[in-house]
Amino acid sequence: MSFAAWLPGDGWEPVTGGESATEVFRRGDVFAKCSGVSGVGELAAERDRAEWLAGTSVPAARVLDWIERAEGGALLTSAVSGVAAVELPWSEKLVASFAGALRAVHSLAVEDCPFRRPLHDVIAQAEDVVRRGAVNPDFLREDVQAVPPAELLARIQAEAPEVAAKAAGDLVVCHGDGCLPNFLFDPETLELTGVIDVGRLGVADRYTDLALVPAQLNDVWSVDAAGFFAQYGLPEPDRARLDFYLLLDPLTWG
């Protein structure tokens, strides 16, 4: 089955190879993310979140169309100008801009956001991935890649009550996958031009996003995260929560 055949008009070009029956196409300034039946729910969730975010002060892709058929669905969104942070050369200004962009998302009014991502739901998602044996070891930190996923999950479950207690008074609107590829910037001014791939956006512990940053900065640019946290306004982050979410996140993809 060719997802491109569902899309209006001609000239759609594939952008990436799909994961879990998902394919992405582009035609001019329009992107189309297509999914089979099993992924329609997640795609619809991304549609709803993208529509909400586009109405806030944070620049983001706009939803242009939604196609749903018996075989699956397609989400059409506007292209966002700029270049993904991961594709830009490191500079202190870029790191500061990335910190400011993540802070801007986290500063959106929690009471205005209709989406929630409570910790117990995220852990339930991880439990499902582990149960299905779908954890990708390449997503894990090197020091735990040889540890059985069930053992990592048990560690998460044991630490969850303490983390949840800390997070109770520190809930913000999170991107949910606050990675460098999902934040685009003007390559000249390094101002934020847009946020993409918001299928996991929702009110959650800010460390859901923050925990992903140190490893990314090190992997992409070989730099320490101290400058990022200083610019974000959290010069002394909670290391225990950083470690917790860095361990939890890769267990939720699969």
C-alpha atoms as a PDB file:
ATOM      1  CA  MET A   1       0.000   0.000   0.000  1.00  0.00           C
ATOM      2  CA  SER A   2       1.311   3.437  -0.937  1.00  0.00           C
ATOM      3  CA  PHE A   3       0.348   6.139   1.522  1.00  0.00           C
ATOM      4  CA  ALA A   4       1.226   8.759  -1.093  1.00  0.00           C
ATOM      5  CA  ALA A   5      -1.768   7.623  -3.141  1.00  0.00           C
ATOM      6  CA  TRP A   6      -4.074   8.989  -0.414  1.00  0.00           C
ATOM      7  CA  LEU A   7      -2.683  12.509  -0.624  1.00  0.00           C
ATOM      8  CA  PRO A   8      -4.277  15.268  -2.696  1.00  0.00           C
ATOM      9  CA  GLY A   9      -2.538  16.146  -5.943  1.00  0.00           C
ATOM     10  CA  ASP A  10       0.811  14.966  -7.277  1.00  0.00           C
ATOM     11  CA  GLY A  11       4.465  15.614  -6.575  1.00  0.00           C
ATOM     12  CA  TRP A  12       4.739  14.181  -3.048  1.00  0.00           C
ATOM     13  CA  GLU A  13       8.289  13.137  -2.249  1.00  0.00           C
ATOM     14  CA  PRO A  14       9.242  10.787   0.601  1.00  0.00           C
ATOM     15  CA  VAL A  15      11.179  12.469   3.398  1.00  0.00           C
ATOM     16  CA  THR A  16      12.150   9.608   5.678  1.00  0.00           C
ATOM     17  CA  GLY A  17      11.687   5.890   5.936  1.00  0.00           C
ATOM     18  CA  GLY A  18       8.736   5.182   8.192  1.00  0.00           C
ATOM     19  CA  GLU A  19       8.771   3.607  11.618  1.00  0.00           C
ATOM     20  CA  SER A  20       5.836   1.520  12.814  1.00  0.00           C
ATOM     21  CA  ALA A  21       3.972   1.873   9.517  1.00  0.00           C
ATOM     22  CA  THR A  22       4.491   5.642   9.432  1.00  0.00           C
ATOM     23  CA  GLU A  23       5.762   7.500   6.362  1.00  0.00           C
ATOM     24  CA  VAL A  24       6.470  11.194   5.802  1.00  0.00           C
ATOM     25  CA  PHE A  25       6.124  13.035   2.492  1.00  0.00           C
ATOM     26  CA  ARG A  26       6.711  16.614   1.404  1.00  0.00           C
ATOM     27  CA  ARG A  27       5.345  18.734  -1.416  1.00  0.00           C
ATOM     28  CA  GLY A  28       6.532  22.302  -1.397  1.00  0.00           C
ATOM     29  CA  ASP A  29       5.675  23.826   1.962  1.00  0.00           C
ATOM     30  CA  VAL A  30       3.456  20.967   3.115  1.00  0.00           C
ATOM     31  CA  PHE A  31       4.391  17.845   5.052  1.00  0.00           C
ATOM     32  CA  ALA A  32       2.210  14.749   5.226  1.00  0.00           C
ATOM     33  CA  LYS A  33       2.700  12.169   7.961  1.00  0.00           C
ATOM     34  CA  CYS A  34       0.860   8.957   7.135  1.00  0.00           C
ATOM     35  CA  SER A  35       0.127   5.915   9.244  1.00  0.00           C
ATOM     36  CA  GLY A  36      -1.606   2.581   9.038  1.00  0.00           C
ATOM     37  CA  VAL A  37      -4.519   1.708  11.295  1.00  0.00           C
ATOM     38  CA  SER A  38      -2.342   0.889  14.304  1.00  0.00           C
ATOM     39  CA  GLY A  39      -0.897   4.398  14.383  1.00  0.00           C
ATOM     40  CA  VAL A  40      -3.996   6.493  13.699  1.00  0.00           C
ATOM     41  CA  GLY A  41      -4.620   7.162  17.384  1.00  0.00           C
ATOM     42  CA  GLU A  42      -1.127   8.553  17.920  1.00  0.00           C
ATOM     43  CA  LEU A  43      -1.372  10.585  14.720  1.00  0.00           C
ATOM     44  CA  ALA A  44      -4.701  12.071  15.797  1.00  0.00           C
ATOM     45  CA  ALA A  45      -3.146  12.947  19.157  1.00  0.00           C
ATOM     46  CA  GLU A  46      -0.353  14.767  17.354  1.00  0.00           C
ATOM     47  CA  ARG A  47      -2.916  16.608  15.215  1.00  0.00           C
ATOM     48  CA  ASP A  48      -4.774  17.861  18.285  1.00  0.00           C
ATOM     49  CA  ARG A  49      -1.592  18.964  20.011  1.00  0.00           C
ATOM     50  CA  ALA A  50      -0.257  20.699  16.908  1.00  0.00           C
ATOM     51  CA  GLU A  51      -3.524  22.608  16.542  1.00  0.00           C
ATOM     52  CA  TRP A  52      -3.342  23.731  20.157  1.00  0.00           C
ATOM     53  CA  LEU A  53       0.329  24.738  20.057  1.00  0.00           C
ATOM     54  CA  ALA A  54      -0.157  26.735  16.856  1.00  0.00           C
ATOM     55  CA  GLY A  55      -2.552  28.955  18.784  1.00  0.00           C
ATOM     56  CA  THR A  56       0.025  29.857  21.422  1.00  0.00           C
ATOM     57  CA  SER A  57       2.998  32.230  21.449  1.00  0.00           C
ATOM     58  CA  VAL A  58       5.366  29.404  20.469  1.00  0.00           C
ATOM     59  CA  PRO A  59       5.891  29.180  16.690  1.00  0.00           C
ATOM     60  CA  ALA A  60       4.889  25.787  15.345  1.00  0.00           C
ATOM     61  CA  ALA A  61       3.607  23.942  12.293  1.00  0.00           C
ATOM     62  CA  ARG A  62      -0.047  24.539  11.406  1.00  0.00           C
ATOM     63  CA  VAL A  63      -2.451  21.692  10.724  1.00  0.00           C
ATOM     64  CA  LEU A  64      -3.702  21.983   7.143  1.00  0.00           C
ATOM     65  CA  ASP A  65      -5.711  18.820   6.696  1.00  0.00           C
ATOM     66  CA  TRP A  66      -6.602  15.490   8.256  1.00  0.00           C
ATOM     67  CA  ILE A  67      -7.391  12.411   6.167  1.00  0.00           C
ATOM     68  CA  GLU A  68      -8.779   9.274   7.745  1.00  0.00           C
ATOM     69  CA  ARG A  69      -9.614   6.088   5.888  1.00  0.00           C
ATOM     70  CA  ALA A  70     -10.305   2.490   6.772  1.00  0.00           C
ATOM     71  CA  GLU A  71      -6.623   1.749   6.101  1.00  0.00           C
ATOM     72  CA  GLY A  72      -5.156   4.528   8.232  1.00  0.00           C
ATOM     73  CA  GLY A  73      -4.735   8.272   8.375  1.00  0.00           C
ATOM     74  CA  ALA A  74      -2.671  11.225   7.189  1.00  0.00           C
ATOM     75  CA  LEU A  75      -1.812  14.492   8.931  1.00  0.00           C
ATOM     76  CA  LEU A  76      -0.920  17.430   6.680  1.00  0.00           C
ATOM     77  CA  THR A  77       0.962  20.326   8.251  1.00  0.00           C
ATOM     78  CA  SER A  78       2.737  23.448   7.085  1.00  0.00           C
ATOM     79  CA  ALA A  79       6.496  23.353   6.756  1.00  0.00           C
ATOM     80  CA  VAL A  80       8.355  25.373   9.371  1.00  0.00           C
ATOM     81  CA  SER A  81      11.100  27.676   8.154  1.00  0.00           C
ATOM     82  CA  GLY A  82      14.580  27.437   9.561  1.00  0.00           C
ATOM     83  CA  VAL A  83      17.025  24.642  10.279  1.00  0.00           C
ATOM     84  CA  ALA A  84      16.840  21.990  12.982  1.00  0.00           C
ATOM     85  CA  ALA A  85      19.242  22.705  15.834  1.00  0.00           C
ATOM     86  CA  VAL A  86      20.911  19.347  15.330  1.00  0.00           C
ATOM     87  CA  GLU A  87      22.006  20.428  11.839  1.00  0.00           C
ATOM     88  CA  LEU A  88      23.587  23.714  12.952  1.00  0.00           C
ATOM     89  CA  PRO A  89      27.158  24.198  14.184  1.00  0.00           C
ATOM     90  CA  TRP A  90      27.578  24.608  17.914  1.00  0.00           C
ATOM     91  CA  SER A  91      27.769  28.064  19.399  1.00  0.00           C
ATOM     92  CA  GLU A  92      27.004  29.487  22.807  1.00  0.00           C
ATOM     93  CA  LYS A  93      24.258  31.544  21.196  1.00  0.00           C
ATOM     94  CA  LEU A  94      22.615  28.456  19.710  1.00  0.00           C
ATOM     95  CA  VAL A  95      22.660  26.666  23.049  1.00  0.00           C
ATOM     96  CA  ALA A  96      21.155  29.762  24.658  1.00  0.00           C
ATOM     97  CA  SER A  97      18.483  29.893  21.956  1.00  0.00           C
ATOM     98  CA  PHE A  98      17.655  26.225  22.464  1.00  0.00           C
ATOM     99  CA  ALA A  99      17.388  26.788  26.214  1.00  0.00           C
ATOM    100  CA  GLY A 100      15.131  29.766  25.590  1.00  0.00           C
ATOM    101  CA  ALA A 101      12.963  27.781  23.191  1.00  0.00           C
ATOM    102  CA  LEU A 102      12.453  24.953  25.653  1.00  0.00           C
ATOM    103  CA  ARG A 103      11.794  27.478  28.401  1.00  0.00           C
ATOM    104  CA  ALA A 104       9.173  29.148  26.175  1.00  0.00           C
ATOM    105  CA  VAL A 105       7.287  25.874  25.836  1.00  0.00           C
ATOM    106  CA  HIS A 106       7.569  25.255  29.562  1.00  0.00           C
ATOM    107  CA  SER A 107       6.269  28.770  30.256  1.00  0.00           C
ATOM    108  CA  LEU A 108       2.945  28.225  28.478  1.00  0.00           C
ATOM    109  CA  ALA A 109      -0.002  28.360  30.859  1.00  0.00           C
ATOM    110  CA  VAL A 110      -0.636  24.909  32.290  1.00  0.00           C
ATOM    111  CA  GLU A 111      -4.308  25.735  32.838  1.00  0.00           C
ATOM    112  CA  ASP A 112      -4.718  26.462  29.123  1.00  0.00           C
ATOM    113  CA  CYS A 113      -3.266  23.120  27.990  1.00  0.00           C
ATOM    114  CA  PRO A 114      -5.884  20.367  27.572  1.00  0.00           C
ATOM    115  CA  PHE A 115      -3.300  17.594  27.387  1.00  0.00           C
ATOM    116  CA  ARG A 116      -1.819  15.708  30.326  1.00  0.00           C
ATOM    117  CA  ARG A 117       1.026  13.201  30.460  1.00  0.00           C
ATOM    118  CA  PRO A 118       1.098  11.978  34.065  1.00  0.00           C
ATOM    119  CA  LEU A 119       4.025   9.886  35.190  1.00  0.00           C
ATOM    120  CA  HIS A 120       1.913   6.797  35.845  1.00  0.00           C
ATOM    121  CA  ASP A 121       0.719   6.854  32.213  1.00  0.00           C
ATOM    122  CA  VAL A 122       4.294   7.118  30.936  1.00  0.00           C
ATOM    123  CA  ILE A 123       5.395   4.224  33.129  1.00  0.00           C
ATOM    124  CA  ALA A 124       2.434   2.169  31.883  1.00  0.00           C
ATOM    125  CA  GLN A 125       3.628   2.879  28.348  1.00  0.00           C
ATOM    126  CA  ALA A 126       7.115   1.674  29.289  1.00  0.00           C
ATOM    127  CA  GLU A 127       5.632  -1.453  30.868  1.00  0.00           C
ATOM    128  CA  ASP A 128       3.885  -2.249  27.601  1.00  0.00           C
ATOM    129  CA  VAL A 129       7.051  -1.746  25.533  1.00  0.00           C
ATOM    130  CA  VAL A 130       9.099  -3.920  27.893  1.00  0.00           C
ATOM    131  CA  ARG A 131       6.406  -6.612  27.981  1.00  0.00           C
ATOM    132  CA  ARG A 132       6.432  -6.770  24.173  1.00  0.00           C
ATOM    133  CA  GLY A 133      10.215  -6.985  24.088  1.00  0.00           C
ATOM    134  CA  ALA A 134      10.309  -3.874  21.907  1.00  0.00           C
ATOM    135  CA  VAL A 135      12.988  -1.830  23.695  1.00  0.00           C
ATOM    136  CA  ASN A 136      15.708  -0.622  21.327  1.00  0.00           C
ATOM    137  CA  PRO A 137      19.012  -0.951  23.227  1.00  0.00           C
ATOM    138  CA  ASP A 138      20.570   1.711  21.003  1.00  0.00           C
ATOM    139  CA  PHE A 139      18.299   4.275  22.672  1.00  0.00           C
ATOM    140  CA  LEU A 140      19.673   3.433  26.119  1.00  0.00           C
ATOM    141  CA  ARG A 141      22.686   4.970  27.828  1.00  0.00           C
ATOM    142  CA  GLU A 142      25.805   2.947  27.145  1.00  0.00           C
ATOM    143  CA  ASP A 143      26.214   2.025  30.796  1.00  0.00           C
ATOM    144  CA  VAL A 144      22.839   0.229  30.898  1.00  0.00           C
ATOM    145  CA  GLN A 145      22.602  -1.250  27.417  1.00  0.00           C
ATOM    146  CA  ALA A 146      23.554  -4.691  28.727  1.00  0.00           C
ATOM    147  CA  VAL A 147      21.016  -4.567  31.556  1.00  0.00           C
ATOM    148  CA  PRO A 148      17.754  -6.481  30.907  1.00  0.00           C
ATOM    149  CA  PRO A 149      14.928  -3.998  30.200  1.00  0.00           C
ATOM    150  CA  ALA A 150      12.777  -5.610  32.898  1.00  0.00           C
ATOM    151  CA  GLU A 151      15.468  -4.761  35.448  1.00  0.00           C
ATOM    152  CA  LEU A 152      15.602  -1.161  34.248  1.00  0.00           C
ATOM    153  CA  LEU A 153      11.829  -0.957  34.472  1.00  0.00           C
ATOM    154  CA  ALA A 154      11.899  -2.288  38.024  1.00  0.00           C
ATOM    155  CA  ARG A 155      14.356   0.458  38.912  1.00  0.00           C
ATOM    156  CA  ILE A 156      12.005   3.047  37.413  1.00  0.00           C
ATOM    157  CA  GLN A 157       9.023   1.646  39.306  1.00  0.00           C
ATOM    158  CA  ALA A 158      10.927   1.761  42.591  1.00  0.00           C
ATOM    159  CA  GLU A 159      12.041   5.371  42.131  1.00  0.00           C
ATOM    160  CA  ALA A 160       8.757   6.669  40.699  1.00  0.00           C
ATOM    161  CA  PRO A 161       7.008   7.630  43.978  1.00  0.00           C
ATOM    162  CA  GLU A 162       9.843   9.925  45.056  1.00  0.00           C
ATOM    163  CA  VAL A 163      10.115  11.504  41.607  1.00  0.00           C
ATOM    164  CA  ALA A 164       6.351  12.013  41.400  1.00  0.00           C
ATOM    165  CA  ALA A 165       6.378  13.749  44.776  1.00  0.00           C
ATOM    166  CA  LYS A 166       9.086  16.155  43.608  1.00  0.00           C
ATOM    167  CA  ALA A 167       7.311  16.810  40.320  1.00  0.00           C
ATOM    168  CA  ALA A 168       3.926  17.531  41.873  1.00  0.00           C
ATOM    169  CA  GLY A 169       4.714  21.219  42.312  1.00  0.00           C
ATOM    170  CA  ASP A 170       6.782  21.580  39.160  1.00  0.00           C
ATOM    171  CA  LEU A 171       4.452  20.604  36.315  1.00  0.00           C
ATOM    172  CA  VAL A 172       4.742  22.528  33.042  1.00  0.00           C
ATOM    173  CA  VAL A 173       3.718  22.156  29.425  1.00  0.00           C
ATOM    174  CA  CYS A 174       6.355  19.767  28.061  1.00  0.00           C
ATOM    175  CA  HIS A 175       7.222  19.027  24.464  1.00  0.00           C
ATOM    176  CA  GLY A 176       7.541  15.367  25.412  1.00  0.00           C
ATOM    177  CA  ASP A 177      10.424  14.753  23.023  1.00  0.00           C
ATOM    178  CA  GLY A 178      12.453  17.899  23.561  1.00  0.00           C
ATOM    179  CA  CYS A 179      15.287  16.937  21.232  1.00  0.00           C
ATOM    180  CA  LEU A 180      17.477  19.075  18.998  1.00  0.00           C
ATOM    181  CA  PRO A 181      15.833  17.839  15.747  1.00  0.00           C
ATOM    182  CA  ASN A 182      12.437  19.102  16.940  1.00  0.00           C
ATOM    183  CA  PHE A 183      13.442  22.755  17.380  1.00  0.00           C
ATOM    184  CA  LEU A 184      14.147  24.868  14.288  1.00  0.00           C
ATOM    185  CA  PHE A 185      16.071  28.139  14.191  1.00  0.00           C
ATOM    186  CA  ASP A 186      16.955  30.862  11.718  1.00  0.00           C
ATOM    187  CA  PRO A 187      20.519  29.930  10.731  1.00  0.00           C
ATOM    188  CA  GLU A 188      21.596  33.592  10.727  1.00  0.00           C
ATOM    189  CA  THR A 189      19.940  35.021  13.832  1.00  0.00           C
ATOM    190  CA  LEU A 190      19.486  31.711  15.674  1.00  0.00           C
ATOM    191  CA  GLU A 191      16.000  32.812  16.675  1.00  0.00           C
ATOM    192  CA  LEU A 192      13.418  30.063  17.118  1.00  0.00           C
ATOM    193  CA  THR A 193      11.332  29.591  13.972  1.00  0.00           C
ATOM    194  CA  GLY A 194       9.237  26.623  15.004  1.00  0.00           C
ATOM    195  CA  VAL A 195       8.648  23.481  17.032  1.00  0.00           C
ATOM    196  CA  ILE A 196       7.676  20.191  15.374  1.00  0.00           C
ATOM    197  CA  ASP A 197       6.733  16.580  16.199  1.00  0.00           C
ATOM    198  CA  VAL A 198       4.553  17.367  19.191  1.00  0.00           C
ATOM    199  CA  GLY A 199       2.731  14.056  19.539  1.00  0.00           C
ATOM    200  CA  ARG A 200       3.819  13.739  23.187  1.00  0.00           C
ATOM    201  CA  LEU A 201       3.137  17.327  24.220  1.00  0.00           C
ATOM    202  CA  GLY A 202       1.338  17.692  27.528  1.00  0.00           C
ATOM    203  CA  VAL A 203       1.534  18.834  31.127  1.00  0.00           C
ATOM    204  CA  ALA A 204       4.282  16.876  32.878  1.00  0.00           C
ATOM    205  CA  ASP A 205       7.420  17.170  34.985  1.00  0.00           C
ATOM    206  CA  ARG A 206       9.766  19.623  33.225  1.00  0.00           C
ATOM    207  CA  TYR A 207      12.537  17.046  33.631  1.00  0.00           C
ATOM    208  CA  THR A 208      10.757  14.934  31.021  1.00  0.00           C
ATOM    209  CA  ASP A 209      12.339  17.320  28.499  1.00  0.00           C
ATOM    210  CA  LEU A 210      15.396  18.460  30.421  1.00  0.00           C
ATOM    211  CA  ALA A 211      16.724  14.935  30.955  1.00  0.00           C
ATOM    212  CA  LEU A 212      17.284  14.495  27.226  1.00  0.00           C
ATOM    213  CA  VAL A 213      19.459  17.583  26.848  1.00  0.00           C
ATOM    214  CA  PRO A 214      22.852  16.644  28.387  1.00  0.00           C
ATOM    215  CA  ALA A 215      23.275  13.481  26.334  1.00  0.00           C
ATOM    216  CA  GLN A 216      22.245  15.297  23.151  1.00  0.00           C
ATOM    217  CA  LEU A 217      24.647  18.172  23.648  1.00  0.00           C
ATOM    218  CA  ASN A 218      27.437  15.713  24.306  1.00  0.00           C
ATOM    219  CA  ASP A 219      26.575  13.413  21.386  1.00  0.00           C
ATOM    220  CA  VAL A 220      26.056  16.160  18.813  1.00  0.00           C
ATOM    221  CA  TRP A 221      28.592  18.809  19.830  1.00  0.00           C
ATOM    222  CA  SER A 222      30.686  17.215  22.611  1.00  0.00           C
ATOM    223  CA  VAL A 223      29.797  20.004  25.015  1.00  0.00           C
ATOM    224  CA  ASP A 224      28.740  20.010  28.649  1.00  0.00           C
ATOM    225  CA  ALA A 225      25.180  20.964  29.555  1.00  0.00           C
ATOM    226  CA  ALA A 226      26.126  23.475  32.272  1.00  0.00           C
ATOM    227  CA  GLY A 227      25.749  26.403  29.871  1.00  0.00           C
ATOM    228  CA  PHE A 228      22.341  25.191  28.750  1.00  0.00           C
ATOM    229  CA  PHE A 229      21.024  24.868  32.300  1.00  0.00           C
ATOM    230  CA  ALA A 230      22.386  28.287  33.219  1.00  0.00           C
ATOM    231  CA  GLN A 231      20.599  29.866  30.248  1.00  0.00           C
ATOM    232  CA  TYR A 232      17.433  27.908  30.985  1.00  0.00           C
ATOM    233  CA  GLY A 233      17.486  29.331  34.515  1.00  0.00           C
ATOM    234  CA  LEU A 234      18.244  26.141  36.408  1.00  0.00           C
ATOM    235  CA  PRO A 235      21.988  26.244  37.170  1.00  0.00           C
ATOM    236  CA  GLU A 236      21.734  23.379  39.658  1.00  0.00           C
ATOM    237  CA  PRO A 237      19.351  20.810  38.148  1.00  0.00           C
ATOM    238  CA  ASP A 238      18.062  17.829  40.110  1.00  0.00           C
ATOM    239  CA  ARG A 239      20.478  15.103  39.019  1.00  0.00           C
ATOM    240  CA  ALA A 240      18.278  12.313  40.350  1.00  0.00           C
ATOM    241  CA  ARG A 241      15.362  13.423  38.176  1.00  0.00           C
ATOM    242  CA  LEU A 242      17.636  13.849  35.172  1.00  0.00           C
ATOM    243  CA  ASP A 243      18.849  10.265  35.578  1.00  0.00           C
ATOM    244  CA  PHE A 244      15.335   8.938  36.176  1.00  0.00           C
ATOM    245  CA  TYR A 245      13.811  10.364  33.008  1.00  0.00           C
ATOM    246  CA  LEU A 246      16.867   9.589  30.913  1.00  0.00           C
ATOM    247  CA  LEU A 247      16.369   5.954  31.889  1.00  0.00           C
ATOM    248  CA  LEU A 248      12.584   6.037  31.434  1.00  0.00           C
ATOM    249  CA  ASP A 249      12.368   7.762  28.054  1.00  0.00           C
ATOM    250  CA  PRO A 250      13.990   5.033  25.902  1.00  0.00           C
ATOM    251  CA  LEU A 251      11.706   2.433  27.476  1.00  0.00           C
ATOM    252  CA  THR A 252       8.681   4.240  26.029  1.00  0.00           C
ATOM    253  CA  TRP A 253       9.632   3.949  22.352  1.00  0.00           C
ATOM    254  CA  GLY A 254       8.716   0.688  20.679  1.00  0.00           C
END
